[in-house]
Amino acid sequence: MQDTEVCVNHPDRKAAAVCRRYSRGLCVECLEENPVCPDPDLFCRYRERCLIFYGYKEKQRELRREAEQAEQAEQAEQAQQA
């Protein structure tokens, strides 16, 4: 198999998505649990169609939402104590 056909983190697994810029593949598990875009802030002409970047952005949104919810819960708890 070529490098792009296997997961960069799990060489024994087939890649479900491939970074066209860096020719790096990710398996389904990596895409769901921890999608990592090598350069999320740099221009990439493939970005519009990139499953890896999409998963990365969704994961960032999810982490931001969880942090906001935890902060709101903490504020509500402090308000009840006051």
N, C-alpha and C. Protein backbone atom coordinates (compact mmCIF):
# COMPACT_ATOMS: atom_id res chain seq x y z
N MET A 1 0.83 -1.19 0.00
CA MET A 1 0.00 0.00 0.00
C MET A 1 0.87 1.25 0.00
N GLN A 2 0.36 2.30 -0.63
CA GLN A 2 1.05 3.57 -0.60
C GLN A 2 0.81 4.23 0.74
N ASP A 3 1.63 5.22 1.07
CA ASP A 3 1.48 5.93 2.35
C ASP A 3 0.11 6.58 2.49
N THR A 4 -0.45 7.07 1.40
CA THR A 4 -1.73 7.76 1.48
C THR A 4 -2.89 6.80 1.68
N GLU A 5 -2.66 5.50 1.47
CA GLU A 5 -3.73 4.52 1.60
C GLU A 5 -3.85 3.97 3.01
N VAL A 6 -2.90 4.34 3.89
CA VAL A 6 -2.95 3.85 5.27
C VAL A 6 -3.01 5.03 6.23
N CYS A 7 -3.48 4.74 7.43
CA CYS A 7 -3.59 5.76 8.47
C CYS A 7 -2.20 6.12 8.98
N VAL A 8 -1.95 7.40 9.16
CA VAL A 8 -0.66 7.85 9.66
C VAL A 8 -0.43 7.41 11.11
N ASN A 9 -1.50 7.25 11.88
CA ASN A 9 -1.39 6.83 13.29
C ASN A 9 -1.48 5.31 13.47
N HIS A 10 -2.14 4.65 12.53
CA HIS A 10 -2.34 3.20 12.60
C HIS A 10 -1.97 2.61 11.23
N PRO A 11 -0.71 2.30 11.00
CA PRO A 11 -0.26 1.81 9.70
C PRO A 11 -0.91 0.51 9.24
N ASP A 12 -1.54 -0.20 10.16
CA ASP A 12 -2.21 -1.45 9.79
C ASP A 12 -3.64 -1.24 9.31
N ARG A 13 -4.12 0.01 9.33
CA ARG A 13 -5.49 0.32 8.92
C ARG A 13 -5.53 1.12 7.64
N LYS A 14 -6.60 0.92 6.90
CA LYS A 14 -6.79 1.66 5.65
C LYS A 14 -7.28 3.07 5.96
N ALA A 15 -6.82 4.04 5.19
CA ALA A 15 -7.22 5.43 5.38
C ALA A 15 -8.63 5.66 4.86
N ALA A 16 -9.44 6.37 5.65
CA ALA A 16 -10.79 6.73 5.24
C ALA A 16 -10.79 8.11 4.58
N ALA A 17 -9.81 8.93 4.94
CA ALA A 17 -9.66 10.27 4.36
C ALA A 17 -8.17 10.57 4.22
N VAL A 18 -7.85 11.36 3.19
CA VAL A 18 -6.44 11.67 2.93
C VAL A 18 -6.26 13.17 2.80
N CYS A 19 -5.25 13.69 3.47
CA CYS A 19 -4.87 15.09 3.32
C CYS A 19 -4.15 15.22 1.98
N ARG A 20 -4.74 15.94 1.05
CA ARG A 20 -4.16 16.08 -0.28
C ARG A 20 -2.91 16.95 -0.28
N ARG A 21 -2.83 17.86 0.65
CA ARG A 21 -1.67 18.75 0.72
C ARG A 21 -0.42 18.01 1.19
N TYR A 22 -0.58 17.18 2.23
CA TYR A 22 0.56 16.49 2.82
C TYR A 22 0.56 14.98 2.55
N SER A 23 -0.44 14.50 1.83
CA SER A 23 -0.55 13.08 1.48
C SER A 23 -0.49 12.19 2.72
N ARG A 24 -1.29 12.54 3.72
CA ARG A 24 -1.38 11.77 4.96
C ARG A 24 -2.79 11.25 5.12
N GLY A 25 -2.92 9.96 5.43
CA GLY A 25 -4.23 9.37 5.60
C GLY A 25 -4.63 9.22 7.05
N LEU A 26 -5.94 9.20 7.31
CA LEU A 26 -6.49 8.94 8.64
C LEU A 26 -7.57 7.88 8.53
N CYS A 27 -7.59 6.95 9.48
CA CYS A 27 -8.62 5.91 9.49
C CYS A 27 -9.91 6.49 10.09
N VAL A 28 -10.96 5.70 10.09
CA VAL A 28 -12.25 6.14 10.61
C VAL A 28 -12.15 6.51 12.09
N GLU A 29 -11.45 5.70 12.87
CA GLU A 29 -11.32 5.97 14.30
C GLU A 29 -10.64 7.32 14.54
N CYS A 30 -9.58 7.61 13.82
CA CYS A 30 -8.87 8.88 13.99
C CYS A 30 -9.74 10.06 13.55
N LEU A 31 -10.51 9.87 12.49
CA LEU A 31 -11.40 10.93 12.04
C LEU A 31 -12.48 11.25 13.07
N GLU A 32 -12.97 10.23 13.77
CA GLU A 32 -14.04 10.43 14.74
C GLU A 32 -13.51 10.93 16.08
N GLU A 33 -12.40 10.37 16.53
CA GLU A 33 -11.91 10.70 17.87
C GLU A 33 -11.04 11.94 17.93
N ASN A 34 -10.10 12.06 17.01
CA ASN A 34 -9.16 13.17 17.07
C ASN A 34 -8.66 13.56 15.68
N PRO A 35 -9.53 14.18 14.88
CA PRO A 35 -9.08 14.59 13.55
C PRO A 35 -8.08 15.75 13.68
N VAL A 36 -6.93 15.61 13.08
CA VAL A 36 -5.89 16.63 13.20
C VAL A 36 -5.51 17.13 11.81
N CYS A 37 -5.73 18.41 11.59
CA CYS A 37 -5.29 19.06 10.37
C CYS A 37 -3.86 19.55 10.64
N PRO A 38 -2.88 19.17 9.81
CA PRO A 38 -1.50 19.57 10.07
C PRO A 38 -1.29 21.09 10.14
N ASP A 39 -1.98 21.83 9.30
CA ASP A 39 -1.84 23.30 9.28
C ASP A 39 -3.21 23.94 9.13
N PRO A 40 -4.01 23.98 10.20
CA PRO A 40 -5.38 24.49 10.07
C PRO A 40 -5.48 25.98 9.77
N ASP A 41 -4.43 26.74 10.06
CA ASP A 41 -4.50 28.18 9.84
C ASP A 41 -3.88 28.63 8.51
N LEU A 42 -3.19 27.74 7.82
CA LEU A 42 -2.57 28.09 6.55
C LEU A 42 -3.53 27.84 5.39
N PHE A 43 -3.33 28.54 4.30
CA PHE A 43 -4.16 28.36 3.12
C PHE A 43 -3.96 26.96 2.54
N CYS A 44 -5.05 26.34 2.17
CA CYS A 44 -4.99 25.04 1.50
C CYS A 44 -6.07 25.05 0.42
N ARG A 45 -5.68 24.79 -0.79
CA ARG A 45 -6.66 24.84 -1.88
C ARG A 45 -7.65 23.68 -1.84
N TYR A 46 -7.38 22.68 -1.03
CA TYR A 46 -8.27 21.53 -0.90
C TYR A 46 -9.23 21.66 0.28
N ARG A 47 -9.13 22.71 1.04
CA ARG A 47 -9.85 22.86 2.30
C ARG A 47 -11.36 22.69 2.16
N GLU A 48 -11.96 23.22 1.11
CA GLU A 48 -13.42 23.15 0.95
C GLU A 48 -13.94 21.73 0.92
N ARG A 49 -13.12 20.79 0.45
CA ARG A 49 -13.55 19.40 0.31
C ARG A 49 -12.84 18.46 1.29
N CYS A 50 -12.22 19.01 2.29
CA CYS A 50 -11.37 18.21 3.18
C CYS A 50 -12.16 17.66 4.38
N LEU A 51 -12.28 16.34 4.44
CA LEU A 51 -12.96 15.71 5.57
C LEU A 51 -12.18 15.85 6.86
N ILE A 52 -10.86 15.87 6.76
CA ILE A 52 -10.02 16.00 7.95
C ILE A 52 -10.22 17.38 8.57
N PHE A 53 -10.19 18.43 7.76
CA PHE A 53 -10.37 19.79 8.27
C PHE A 53 -11.79 19.97 8.82
N TYR A 54 -12.78 19.41 8.14
CA TYR A 54 -14.16 19.49 8.62
C TYR A 54 -14.27 18.86 10.01
N GLY A 55 -13.71 17.66 10.16
CA GLY A 55 -13.74 16.99 11.45
C GLY A 55 -12.99 17.78 12.51
N TYR A 56 -11.87 18.38 12.13
CA TYR A 56 -11.08 19.20 13.05
C TYR A 56 -11.90 20.39 13.54
N LYS A 57 -12.56 21.09 12.63
CA LYS A 57 -13.37 22.26 13.01
C LYS A 57 -14.55 21.85 13.88
N GLU A 58 -15.19 20.73 13.57
CA GLU A 58 -16.31 20.25 14.38
C GLU A 58 -15.83 19.90 15.79
N LYS A 59 -14.67 19.28 15.89
CA LYS A 59 -14.12 18.93 17.21
C LYS A 59 -13.81 20.19 18.01
N GLN A 60 -13.28 21.23 17.35
CA GLN A 60 -12.98 22.49 18.03
C GLN A 60 -14.27 23.15 18.53
N ARG A 61 -15.33 23.12 17.73
CA ARG A 61 -16.63 23.67 18.14
C ARG A 61 -17.17 22.91 19.36
N GLU A 62 -17.06 21.60 19.31
CA GLU A 62 -17.55 20.77 20.41
C GLU A 62 -16.79 21.08 21.71
N LEU A 63 -15.49 21.20 21.62
CA LEU A 63 -14.68 21.53 22.81
C LEU A 63 -15.03 22.91 23.35
N ARG A 64 -15.26 23.87 22.44
CA ARG A 64 -15.63 25.22 22.85
C ARG A 64 -16.99 25.21 23.56
N ARG A 65 -17.96 24.47 23.01
CA ARG A 65 -19.28 24.37 23.63
C ARG A 65 -19.19 23.74 25.02
N GLU A 66 -18.40 22.70 25.15
CA GLU A 66 -18.25 22.04 26.45
C GLU A 66 -17.63 22.99 27.47
N ALA A 67 -16.65 23.77 27.04
CA ALA A 67 -16.00 24.73 27.95
C ALA A 67 -17.00 25.81 28.37
N GLU A 68 -17.81 26.29 27.42
CA GLU A 68 -18.81 27.31 27.74
C GLU A 68 -19.86 26.77 28.71
N GLN A 69 -20.29 25.53 28.50
CA GLN A 69 -21.29 24.93 29.38
C GLN A 69 -20.72 24.74 30.78
N ALA A 70 -19.47 24.33 30.87
CA ALA A 70 -18.84 24.15 32.19
C ALA A 70 -18.71 25.49 32.89
N GLU A 71 -18.38 26.54 32.13
CA GLU A 71 -18.26 27.88 32.72
C GLU A 71 -19.62 28.38 33.21
N GLN A 72 -20.67 28.15 32.42
CA GLN A 72 -22.01 28.57 32.82
C GLN A 72 -22.47 27.82 34.06
N ALA A 73 -22.17 26.53 34.14
CA ALA A 73 -22.54 25.74 35.31
C ALA A 73 -21.81 26.24 36.54
N GLU A 74 -20.55 26.59 36.36
CA GLU A 74 -19.76 27.11 37.49
C GLU A 74 -20.32 28.46 37.96
N GLN A 75 -20.68 29.31 37.01
CA GLN A 75 -21.25 30.62 37.36
C GLN A 75 -22.59 30.45 38.09
N ALA A 76 -23.42 29.52 37.63
CA ALA A 76 -24.71 29.27 38.27
C ALA A 76 -24.51 28.74 39.69
N GLU A 77 -23.52 27.90 39.85
CA GLU A 77 -23.22 27.35 41.19
C GLU A 77 -22.74 28.47 42.12
N GLN A 78 -21.91 29.34 41.62
CA GLN A 78 -21.42 30.46 42.44
C GLN A 78 -22.55 31.42 42.79
N ALA A 79 -23.49 31.61 41.85
CA ALA A 79 -24.63 32.50 42.11
C ALA A 79 -25.54 31.91 43.19
N GLN A 80 -25.70 30.60 43.20
CA GLN A 80 -26.54 29.96 44.22
C GLN A 80 -25.90 30.04 45.59
N GLN A 81 -24.58 30.00 45.65
CA GLN A 81 -23.87 30.08 46.92
C GLN A 81 -23.88 31.49 47.49
N ALA A 82 -24.01 32.48 46.63
CA ALA A 82 -23.96 33.87 47.07
C ALA A 82 -25.25 34.34 47.69
